Amino acid sequence: MPLYEYRCVDCGPFDVSAPMSAVRPTTACPACAAESPRAVTAPRLGRGRTAAMRVLDSTARTASEPAVVSGAIPGRPRTPPRPVTTDPRHRMLPRP
């Protein structure tokens, strides 16, 4: 269920968990029972600790903190192989 924030004039902000179909523009303050209007606040999208949130956090973290890679890609040689030629004229060319 969504969490809605209301602001009491005397007591300050408080949260109410209610289904979207039952939300009202005002509700009674739990401390003083005064009618309090609903406040418009930013959505709390990053509040959960679900597996999906952990994946999103990890993905966002790789943008600023990429993992350090050491060594070559597994299964590939570290240096590119030199082409092998069988032409005898190539033996007379200078080597680097």
PDB file of N, CA and C in Angstrom:
ATOM      1  N   MET A   1       0.831  -1.179   0.000  1.00  0.00           N
ATOM      2  CA  MET A   1       0.000   0.000   0.000  1.00  0.00           C
ATOM      3  C   MET A   1       0.877   1.244   0.000  1.00  0.00           C
ATOM      4  N   PRO A   2       0.433   2.285  -0.664  1.00  0.00           N
ATOM      5  CA  PRO A   2       1.197   3.534  -0.675  1.00  0.00           C
ATOM      6  C   PRO A   2       1.203   4.197   0.702  1.00  0.00           C
ATOM      7  N   LEU A   3       2.220   4.988   0.915  1.00  0.00           N
ATOM      8  CA  LEU A   3       2.370   5.739   2.157  1.00  0.00           C
ATOM      9  C   LEU A   3       2.130   7.211   1.838  1.00  0.00           C
ATOM     10  N   TYR A   4       1.173   7.825   2.502  1.00  0.00           N
ATOM     11  CA  TYR A   4       0.818   9.222   2.260  1.00  0.00           C
ATOM     12  C   TYR A   4       1.259  10.069   3.442  1.00  0.00           C
ATOM     13  N   GLU A   5       1.732  11.274   3.150  1.00  0.00           N
ATOM     14  CA  GLU A   5       2.162  12.180   4.208  1.00  0.00           C
ATOM     15  C   GLU A   5       1.119  13.275   4.394  1.00  0.00           C
ATOM     16  N   TYR A   6       0.759  13.500   5.644  1.00  0.00           N
ATOM     17  CA  TYR A   6      -0.164  14.565   6.026  1.00  0.00           C
ATOM     18  C   TYR A   6       0.576  15.510   6.963  1.00  0.00           C
ATOM     19  N   ARG A   7       0.143  16.778   7.007  1.00  0.00           N
ATOM     20  CA  ARG A   7       0.785  17.769   7.879  1.00  0.00           C
ATOM     21  C   ARG A   7      -0.242  18.367   8.835  1.00  0.00           C
ATOM     22  N   CYS A   8      -0.011  18.112  10.109  1.00  0.00           N
ATOM     23  CA  CYS A   8      -0.843  18.693  11.152  1.00  0.00           C
ATOM     24  C   CYS A   8      -0.272  20.070  11.495  1.00  0.00           C
ATOM     25  N   VAL A   9      -1.136  21.048  11.691  1.00  0.00           N
ATOM     26  CA  VAL A   9      -0.686  22.407  12.007  1.00  0.00           C
ATOM     27  C   VAL A   9       0.039  22.428  13.351  1.00  0.00           C
ATOM     28  N   ASP A  10      -0.445  21.655  14.320  1.00  0.00           N
ATOM     29  CA  ASP A  10       0.138  21.662  15.666  1.00  0.00           C
ATOM     30  C   ASP A  10       1.269  20.650  15.832  1.00  0.00           C
ATOM     31  N   CYS A  11       1.110  19.444  15.293  1.00  0.00           N
ATOM     32  CA  CYS A  11       2.057  18.347  15.564  1.00  0.00           C
ATOM     33  C   CYS A  11       3.108  18.142  14.475  1.00  0.00           C
ATOM     34  N   GLY A  12       2.882  18.626  13.277  1.00  0.00           N
ATOM     35  CA  GLY A  12       3.836  18.439  12.193  1.00  0.00           C
ATOM     36  C   GLY A  12       3.443  17.290  11.278  1.00  0.00           C
ATOM     37  N   PRO A  13       4.384  16.820  10.447  1.00  0.00           N
ATOM     38  CA  PRO A  13       4.049  15.782   9.463  1.00  0.00           C
ATOM     39  C   PRO A  13       3.909  14.397  10.093  1.00  0.00           C
ATOM     40  N   PHE A  14       3.044  13.583   9.479  1.00  0.00           N
ATOM     41  CA  PHE A  14       2.894  12.176   9.862  1.00  0.00           C
ATOM     42  C   PHE A  14       2.491  11.395   8.623  1.00  0.00           C
ATOM     43  N   ASP A  15       2.750  10.087   8.633  1.00  0.00           N
ATOM     44  CA  ASP A  15       2.482   9.219   7.487  1.00  0.00           C
ATOM     45  C   ASP A  15       1.279   8.330   7.768  1.00  0.00           C
ATOM     46  N   VAL A  16       0.527   8.046   6.712  1.00  0.00           N
ATOM     47  CA  VAL A  16      -0.617   7.144   6.786  1.00  0.00           C
ATOM     48  C   VAL A  16      -0.512   6.172   5.617  1.00  0.00           C
ATOM     49  N   SER A  17      -0.608   4.888   5.906  1.00  0.00           N
ATOM     50  CA  SER A  17      -0.609   3.864   4.867  1.00  0.00           C
ATOM     51  C   SER A  17      -2.065   3.522   4.551  1.00  0.00           C
ATOM     52  N   ALA A  18      -2.458   3.712   3.297  1.00  0.00           N
ATOM     53  CA  ALA A  18      -3.844   3.465   2.893  1.00  0.00           C
ATOM     54  C   ALA A  18      -3.870   3.054   1.430  1.00  0.00           C
ATOM     55  N   PRO A  19      -4.866   2.244   1.025  1.00  0.00           N
ATOM     56  CA  PRO A  19      -4.989   1.913  -0.388  1.00  0.00           C
ATOM     57  C   PRO A  19      -5.321   3.160  -1.204  1.00  0.00           C
ATOM     58  N   MET A  20      -4.954   3.152  -2.462  1.00  0.00           N
ATOM     59  CA  MET A  20      -5.174   4.320  -3.317  1.00  0.00           C
ATOM     60  C   MET A  20      -6.655   4.660  -3.446  1.00  0.00           C
ATOM     61  N   SER A  21      -7.522   3.671  -3.352  1.00  0.00           N
ATOM     62  CA  SER A  21      -8.956   3.923  -3.487  1.00  0.00           C
ATOM     63  C   SER A  21      -9.557   4.542  -2.226  1.00  0.00           C
ATOM     64  N   ALA A  22      -8.871   4.441  -1.096  1.00  0.00           N
ATOM     65  CA  ALA A  22      -9.420   4.935   0.172  1.00  0.00           C
ATOM     66  C   ALA A  22      -8.737   6.198   0.676  1.00  0.00           C
ATOM     67  N   VAL A  23      -7.829   6.782  -0.080  1.00  0.00           N
ATOM     68  CA  VAL A  23      -7.108   7.967   0.387  1.00  0.00           C
ATOM     69  C   VAL A  23      -8.043   9.174   0.376  1.00  0.00           C
ATOM     70  N   ARG A  24      -7.899  10.011   1.409  1.00  0.00           N
ATOM     71  CA  ARG A  24      -8.741  11.203   1.533  1.00  0.00           C
ATOM     72  C   ARG A  24      -7.859  12.445   1.508  1.00  0.00           C
ATOM     73  N   PRO A  25      -8.416  13.601   1.138  1.00  0.00           N
ATOM     74  CA  PRO A  25      -7.606  14.828   1.125  1.00  0.00           C
ATOM     75  C   PRO A  25      -7.230  15.308   2.525  1.00  0.00           C
ATOM     76  N   THR A  26      -8.018  14.954   3.542  1.00  0.00           N
ATOM     77  CA  THR A  26      -7.672  15.286   4.929  1.00  0.00           C
ATOM     78  C   THR A  26      -7.902  14.057   5.789  1.00  0.00           C
ATOM     79  N   THR A  27      -7.186  13.978   6.903  1.00  0.00           N
ATOM     80  CA  THR A  27      -7.368  12.884   7.856  1.00  0.00           C
ATOM     81  C   THR A  27      -7.055  13.395   9.253  1.00  0.00           C
ATOM     82  N   ALA A  28      -7.479  12.657  10.251  1.00  0.00           N
ATOM     83  CA  ALA A  28      -7.268  13.070  11.639  1.00  0.00           C
ATOM     84  C   ALA A  28      -5.833  12.788  12.063  1.00  0.00           C
ATOM     85  N   CYS A  29      -5.248  13.735  12.763  1.00  0.00           N
ATOM     86  CA  CYS A  29      -3.889  13.579  13.290  1.00  0.00           C
ATOM     87  C   CYS A  29      -3.922  12.511  14.385  1.00  0.00           C
ATOM     88  N   PRO A  30      -2.969  11.561  14.404  1.00  0.00           N
ATOM     89  CA  PRO A  30      -2.986  10.521  15.431  1.00  0.00           C
ATOM     90  C   PRO A  30      -2.683  11.062  16.833  1.00  0.00           C
ATOM     91  N   ALA A  31      -2.041  12.220  16.944  1.00  0.00           N
ATOM     92  CA  ALA A  31      -1.684  12.758  18.258  1.00  0.00           C
ATOM     93  C   ALA A  31      -2.779  13.649  18.837  1.00  0.00           C
ATOM     94  N   CYS A  32      -3.332  14.574  18.004  1.00  0.00           N
ATOM     95  CA  CYS A  32      -4.291  15.546  18.546  1.00  0.00           C
ATOM     96  C   CYS A  32      -5.680  15.443  17.924  1.00  0.00           C
ATOM     97  N   ALA A  33      -5.873  14.577  16.957  1.00  0.00           N
ATOM     98  CA  ALA A  33      -7.153  14.328  16.283  1.00  0.00           C
ATOM     99  C   ALA A  33      -7.652  15.516  15.468  1.00  0.00           C
ATOM    100  N   ALA A  34      -6.803  16.478  15.168  1.00  0.00           N
ATOM    101  CA  ALA A  34      -7.195  17.608  14.320  1.00  0.00           C
ATOM    102  C   ALA A  34      -7.146  17.184  12.857  1.00  0.00           C
ATOM    103  N   GLU A  35      -8.011  17.741  12.035  1.00  0.00           N
ATOM    104  CA  GLU A  35      -8.007  17.433  10.603  1.00  0.00           C
ATOM    105  C   GLU A  35      -6.744  18.018   9.968  1.00  0.00           C
ATOM    106  N   SER A  36      -6.021  17.166   9.241  1.00  0.00           N
ATOM    107  CA  SER A  36      -4.744  17.575   8.642  1.00  0.00           C
ATOM    108  C   SER A  36      -4.793  17.345   7.144  1.00  0.00           C
ATOM    109  N   PRO A  37      -4.359  18.315   6.338  1.00  0.00           N
ATOM    110  CA  PRO A  37      -4.375  18.141   4.878  1.00  0.00           C
ATOM    111  C   PRO A  37      -3.218  17.258   4.409  1.00  0.00           C
ATOM    112  N   ARG A  38      -3.454  16.615   3.272  1.00  0.00           N
ATOM    113  CA  ARG A  38      -2.412  15.773   2.684  1.00  0.00           C
ATOM    114  C   ARG A  38      -1.351  16.664   2.062  1.00  0.00           C
ATOM    115  N   ALA A  39      -0.094  16.317   2.247  1.00  0.00           N
ATOM    116  CA  ALA A  39       1.027  17.091   1.711  1.00  0.00           C
ATOM    117  C   ALA A  39       1.482  16.477   0.395  1.00  0.00           C
ATOM    118  N   VAL A  40       1.922  17.314  -0.508  1.00  0.00           N
ATOM    119  CA  VAL A  40       2.485  16.846  -1.779  1.00  0.00           C
ATOM    120  C   VAL A  40       3.993  16.755  -1.589  1.00  0.00           C
ATOM    121  N   THR A  41       4.520  15.549  -1.663  1.00  0.00           N
ATOM    122  CA  THR A  41       5.953  15.313  -1.453  1.00  0.00           C
ATOM    123  C   THR A  41       6.515  14.507  -2.608  1.00  0.00           C
ATOM    124  N   ALA A  42       7.818  14.375  -2.628  1.00  0.00           N
ATOM    125  CA  ALA A  42       8.487  13.574  -3.658  1.00  0.00           C
ATOM    126  C   ALA A  42       8.191  12.095  -3.414  1.00  0.00           C
ATOM    127  N   PRO A  43       8.088  11.290  -4.473  1.00  0.00           N
ATOM    128  CA  PRO A  43       7.843   9.861  -4.280  1.00  0.00           C
ATOM    129  C   PRO A  43       9.048   9.185  -3.640  1.00  0.00           C
ATOM    130  N   ARG A  44       8.788   8.219  -2.822  1.00  0.00           N
ATOM    131  CA  ARG A  44       9.849   7.483  -2.118  1.00  0.00           C
ATOM    132  C   ARG A  44      10.133   6.193  -2.880  1.00  0.00           C
ATOM    133  N   LEU A  45      10.800   6.337  -3.995  1.00  0.00           N
ATOM    134  CA  LEU A  45      11.026   5.184  -4.865  1.00  0.00           C
ATOM    135  C   LEU A  45      12.150   4.290  -4.375  1.00  0.00           C
ATOM    136  N   GLY A  46      13.137   4.832  -3.719  1.00  0.00           N
ATOM    137  CA  GLY A  46      14.287   4.036  -3.296  1.00  0.00           C
ATOM    138  C   GLY A  46      14.189   3.545  -1.875  1.00  0.00           C
ATOM    139  N   ARG A  47      13.005   3.364  -1.333  1.00  0.00           N
ATOM    140  CA  ARG A  47      12.847   2.987   0.063  1.00  0.00           C
ATOM    141  C   ARG A  47      12.914   1.476   0.277  1.00  0.00           C
ATOM    142  N   GLY A  48      12.643   0.679  -0.725  1.00  0.00           N
ATOM    143  CA  GLY A  48      12.597  -0.765  -0.543  1.00  0.00           C
ATOM    144  C   GLY A  48      13.968  -1.404  -0.628  1.00  0.00           C
ATOM    145  N   ARG A  49      14.128  -2.563  -0.046  1.00  0.00           N
ATOM    146  CA  ARG A  49      15.375  -3.313  -0.131  1.00  0.00           C
ATOM    147  C   ARG A  49      15.101  -4.654  -0.800  1.00  0.00           C
ATOM    148  N   THR A  50      14.369  -4.623  -1.877  1.00  0.00           N
ATOM    149  CA  THR A  50      14.069  -5.840  -2.609  1.00  0.00           C
ATOM    150  C   THR A  50      15.257  -6.206  -3.490  1.00  0.00           C
ATOM    151  N   ALA A  51      15.187  -7.372  -4.081  1.00  0.00           N
ATOM    152  CA  ALA A  51      16.253  -7.807  -4.988  1.00  0.00           C
ATOM    153  C   ALA A  51      16.348  -6.869  -6.189  1.00  0.00           C
ATOM    154  N   ALA A  52      15.210  -6.397  -6.665  1.00  0.00           N
ATOM    155  CA  ALA A  52      15.218  -5.474  -7.805  1.00  0.00           C
ATOM    156  C   ALA A  52      15.908  -4.167  -7.443  1.00  0.00           C
ATOM    157  N   MET A  53      15.687  -3.661  -6.244  1.00  0.00           N
ATOM    158  CA  MET A  53      16.342  -2.423  -5.809  1.00  0.00           C
ATOM    159  C   MET A  53      17.852  -2.626  -5.691  1.00  0.00           C
ATOM    160  N   ARG A  54      18.278  -3.801  -5.214  1.00  0.00           N
ATOM    161  CA  ARG A  54      19.718  -4.075  -5.112  1.00  0.00           C
ATOM    162  C   ARG A  54      20.359  -4.103  -6.492  1.00  0.00           C
ATOM    163  N   VAL A  55      19.676  -4.674  -7.482  1.00  0.00           N
ATOM    164  CA  VAL A  55      20.206  -4.709  -8.847  1.00  0.00           C
ATOM    165  C   VAL A  55      20.289  -3.296  -9.420  1.00  0.00           C
ATOM    166  N   LEU A  56      19.254  -2.490  -9.202  1.00  0.00           N
ATOM    167  CA  LEU A  56      19.273  -1.113  -9.696  1.00  0.00           C
ATOM    168  C   LEU A  56      20.384  -0.306  -9.036  1.00  0.00           C
ATOM    169  N   ASP A  57      20.582  -0.481  -7.739  1.00  0.00           N
ATOM    170  CA  ASP A  57      21.657   0.227  -7.039  1.00  0.00           C
ATOM    171  C   ASP A  57      23.020  -0.198  -7.562  1.00  0.00           C
ATOM    172  N   SER A  58      23.195  -1.492  -7.781  1.00  0.00           N
ATOM    173  CA  SER A  58      24.468  -1.997  -8.292  1.00  0.00           C
ATOM    174  C   SER A  58      24.737  -1.474  -9.700  1.00  0.00           C
ATOM    175  N   THR A  59      23.717  -1.444 -10.531  1.00  0.00           N
ATOM    176  CA  THR A  59      23.868  -0.943 -11.891  1.00  0.00           C
ATOM    177  C   THR A  59      24.207   0.541 -11.896  1.00  0.00           C
ATOM    178  N   ALA A  60      23.556   1.302 -11.059  1.00  0.00           N
ATOM    179  CA  ALA A  60      23.845   2.738 -10.981  1.00  0.00           C
ATOM    180  C   ALA A  60      25.251   2.985 -10.444  1.00  0.00           C
ATOM    181  N   ARG A  61      25.700   2.144  -9.524  1.00  0.00           N
ATOM    182  CA  ARG A  61      27.031   2.308  -8.941  1.00  0.00           C
ATOM    183  C   ARG A  61      28.130   2.049  -9.976  1.00  0.00           C
ATOM    184  N   THR A  62      27.906   1.170 -10.945  1.00  0.00           N
ATOM    185  CA  THR A  62      28.936   0.879 -11.940  1.00  0.00           C
ATOM    186  C   THR A  62      29.196   2.053 -12.868  1.00  0.00           C
ATOM    187  N   ALA A  63      28.266   3.006 -12.956  1.00  0.00           N
ATOM    188  CA  ALA A  63      28.484   4.178 -13.804  1.00  0.00           C
ATOM    189  C   ALA A  63      29.578   5.067 -13.244  1.00  0.00           C
ATOM    190  N   SER A  64      29.661   5.173 -11.926  1.00  0.00           N
ATOM    191  CA  SER A  64      30.669   6.046 -11.310  1.00  0.00           C
ATOM    192  C   SER A  64      31.833   5.274 -10.711  1.00  0.00           C
ATOM    193  N   GLU A  65      31.646   3.986 -10.430  1.00  0.00           N
ATOM    194  CA  GLU A  65      32.698   3.175  -9.824  1.00  0.00           C
ATOM    195  C   GLU A  65      32.841   1.861 -10.594  1.00  0.00           C
ATOM    196  N   PRO A  66      33.374   1.888 -11.808  1.00  0.00           N
ATOM    197  CA  PRO A  66      33.473   0.634 -12.560  1.00  0.00           C
ATOM    198  C   PRO A  66      34.452  -0.326 -11.905  1.00  0.00           C
ATOM    199  N   ALA A  67      34.193  -1.587 -12.068  1.00  0.00           N
ATOM    200  CA  ALA A  67      35.075  -2.611 -11.517  1.00  0.00           C
ATOM    201  C   ALA A  67      36.407  -2.587 -12.259  1.00  0.00           C
ATOM    202  N   VAL A  68      37.494  -2.810 -11.534  1.00  0.00           N
ATOM    203  CA  VAL A  68      38.822  -2.803 -12.135  1.00  0.00           C
ATOM    204  C   VAL A  68      39.064  -4.162 -12.773  1.00  0.00           C
ATOM    205  N   VAL A  69      39.500  -4.135 -14.011  1.00  0.00           N
ATOM    206  CA  VAL A  69      39.771  -5.364 -14.741  1.00  0.00           C
ATOM    207  C   VAL A  69      41.269  -5.598 -14.732  1.00  0.00           C
ATOM    208  N   SER A  70      41.661  -6.781 -14.319  1.00  0.00           N
ATOM    209  CA  SER A  70      43.081  -7.118 -14.339  1.00  0.00           C
ATOM    210  C   SER A  70      43.266  -8.339 -15.231  1.00  0.00           C
ATOM    211  N   GLY A  71      44.140  -8.197 -16.175  1.00  0.00           N
ATOM    212  CA  GLY A  71      44.414  -9.307 -17.066  1.00  0.00           C
ATOM    213  C   GLY A  71      43.578  -9.244 -18.331  1.00  0.00           C
ATOM    214  N   ALA A  72      43.819 -10.208 -19.176  1.00  0.00           N
ATOM    215  CA  ALA A  72      43.130 -10.265 -20.459  1.00  0.00           C
ATOM    216  C   ALA A  72      41.784 -10.957 -20.302  1.00  0.00           C
ATOM    217  N   ILE A  73      41.014 -10.897 -21.340  1.00  0.00           N
ATOM    218  CA  ILE A  73      39.729 -11.569 -21.360  1.00  0.00           C
ATOM    219  C   ILE A  73      39.988 -13.069 -21.339  1.00  0.00           C
ATOM    220  N   PRO A  74      39.290 -13.830 -20.520  1.00  0.00           N
ATOM    221  CA  PRO A  74      39.530 -15.275 -20.461  1.00  0.00           C
ATOM    222  C   PRO A  74      39.294 -15.934 -21.817  1.00  0.00           C
ATOM    223  N   GLY A  75      40.185 -16.822 -22.159  1.00  0.00           N
ATOM    224  CA  GLY A  75      40.048 -17.564 -23.397  1.00  0.00           C
ATOM    225  C   GLY A  75      40.664 -16.894 -24.607  1.00  0.00           C
ATOM    226  N   ARG A  76      41.234 -15.713 -24.437  1.00  0.00           N
ATOM    227  CA  ARG A  76      41.852 -15.010 -25.559  1.00  0.00           C
ATOM    228  C   ARG A  76      43.322 -14.787 -25.232  1.00  0.00           C
ATOM    229  N   PRO A  77      44.192 -14.831 -26.227  1.00  0.00           N
ATOM    230  CA  PRO A  77      45.613 -14.598 -25.964  1.00  0.00           C
ATOM    231  C   PRO A  77      45.864 -13.150 -25.549  1.00  0.00           C
ATOM    232  N   ARG A  78      46.934 -12.938 -24.763  1.00  0.00           N
ATOM    233  CA  ARG A  78      47.257 -11.596 -24.281  1.00  0.00           C
ATOM    234  C   ARG A  78      47.776 -10.702 -25.403  1.00  0.00           C
ATOM    235  N   THR A  79      48.549 -11.228 -26.295  1.00  0.00           N
ATOM    236  CA  THR A  79      49.064 -10.450 -27.421  1.00  0.00           C
ATOM    237  C   THR A  79      48.507 -11.049 -28.705  1.00  0.00           C
ATOM    238  N   PRO A  80      48.233 -10.214 -29.673  1.00  0.00           N
ATOM    239  CA  PRO A  80      47.716 -10.769 -30.923  1.00  0.00           C
ATOM    240  C   PRO A  80      48.796 -11.613 -31.601  1.00  0.00           C
ATOM    241  N   PRO A  81      48.430 -12.728 -32.166  1.00  0.00           N
ATOM    242  CA  PRO A  81      49.426 -13.580 -32.825  1.00  0.00           C
ATOM    243  C   PRO A  81      49.960 -12.914 -34.088  1.00  0.00           C
ATOM    244  N   ARG A  82      51.219 -13.159 -34.348  1.00  0.00           N
ATOM    245  CA  ARG A  82      51.825 -12.632 -35.573  1.00  0.00           C
ATOM    246  C   ARG A  82      51.430 -13.518 -36.740  1.00  0.00           C
ATOM    247  N   PRO A  83      51.144 -12.923 -37.863  1.00  0.00           N
ATOM    248  CA  PRO A  83      50.790 -13.754 -39.014  1.00  0.00           C
ATOM    249  C   PRO A  83      52.002 -14.573 -39.471  1.00  0.00           C
ATOM    250  N   VAL A  84      51.763 -15.803 -39.770  1.00  0.00           N
ATOM    251  CA  VAL A  84      52.827 -16.700 -40.225  1.00  0.00           C
ATOM    252  C   VAL A  84      52.821 -16.706 -41.747  1.00  0.00           C
ATOM    253  N   THR A  85      53.984 -16.458 -42.302  1.00  0.00           N
ATOM    254  CA  THR A  85      54.109 -16.479 -43.749  1.00  0.00           C
ATOM    255  C   THR A  85      55.074 -17.587 -44.156  1.00  0.00           C
ATOM    256  N   THR A  86      54.823 -18.159 -45.274  1.00  0.00           N
ATOM    257  CA  THR A  86      55.712 -19.209 -45.787  1.00  0.00           C
ATOM    258  C   THR A  86      56.464 -18.757 -47.024  1.00  0.00           C
ATOM    259  N   ASP A  87      56.352 -17.475 -47.351  1.00  0.00           N
ATOM    260  CA  ASP A  87      57.056 -16.937 -48.514  1.00  0.00           C
ATOM    261  C   ASP A  87      58.533 -16.776 -48.154  1.00  0.00           C
ATOM    262  N   PRO A  88      59.473 -17.409 -48.887  1.00  0.00           N
ATOM    263  CA  PRO A  88      60.896 -17.324 -48.546  1.00  0.00           C
ATOM    264  C   PRO A  88      61.462 -15.913 -48.684  1.00  0.00           C
ATOM    265  N   ARG A  89      60.853 -15.048 -49.477  1.00  0.00           N
ATOM    266  CA  ARG A  89      61.366 -13.687 -49.628  1.00  0.00           C
ATOM    267  C   ARG A  89      61.173 -12.876 -48.341  1.00  0.00           C
ATOM    268  N   HIS A  90      60.205 -13.237 -47.549  1.00  0.00           N
ATOM    269  CA  HIS A  90      59.950 -12.497 -46.313  1.00  0.00           C
ATOM    270  C   HIS A  90      61.062 -12.700 -45.284  1.00  0.00           C
ATOM    271  N   ARG A  91      61.826 -13.772 -45.393  1.00  0.00           N
ATOM    272  CA  ARG A  91      62.923 -14.020 -44.448  1.00  0.00           C
ATOM    273  C   ARG A  91      64.029 -12.990 -44.590  1.00  0.00           C
ATOM    274  N   MET A  92      64.155 -12.402 -45.773  1.00  0.00           N
ATOM    275  CA  MET A  92      65.227 -11.427 -46.009  1.00  0.00           C
ATOM    276  C   MET A  92      64.839 -10.014 -45.555  1.00  0.00           C
ATOM    277  N   LEU A  93      63.597  -9.789 -45.202  1.00  0.00           N
ATOM    278  CA  LEU A  93      63.166  -8.466 -44.759  1.00  0.00           C
ATOM    279  C   LEU A  93      63.688  -8.193 -43.346  1.00  0.00           C
ATOM    280  N   PRO A  94      63.952  -6.918 -43.032  1.00  0.00           N
ATOM    281  CA  PRO A  94      64.416  -6.605 -41.675  1.00  0.00           C
ATOM    282  C   PRO A  94      63.302  -6.853 -40.661  1.00  0.00           C
ATOM    283  N   ARG A  95      63.726  -7.264 -39.476  1.00  0.00           N
ATOM    284  CA  ARG A  95      62.757  -7.541 -38.413  1.00  0.00           C
ATOM    285  C   ARG A  95      62.722  -6.382 -37.434  1.00  0.00           C
ATOM    286  N   PRO A  96      61.573  -6.126 -36.863  1.00  0.00           N
ATOM    287  CA  PRO A  96      61.491  -5.009 -35.910  1.00  0.00           C
ATOM    288  C   PRO A  96      62.164  -5.328 -34.588  1.00  0.00           C
TER     289      PRO A  96
END
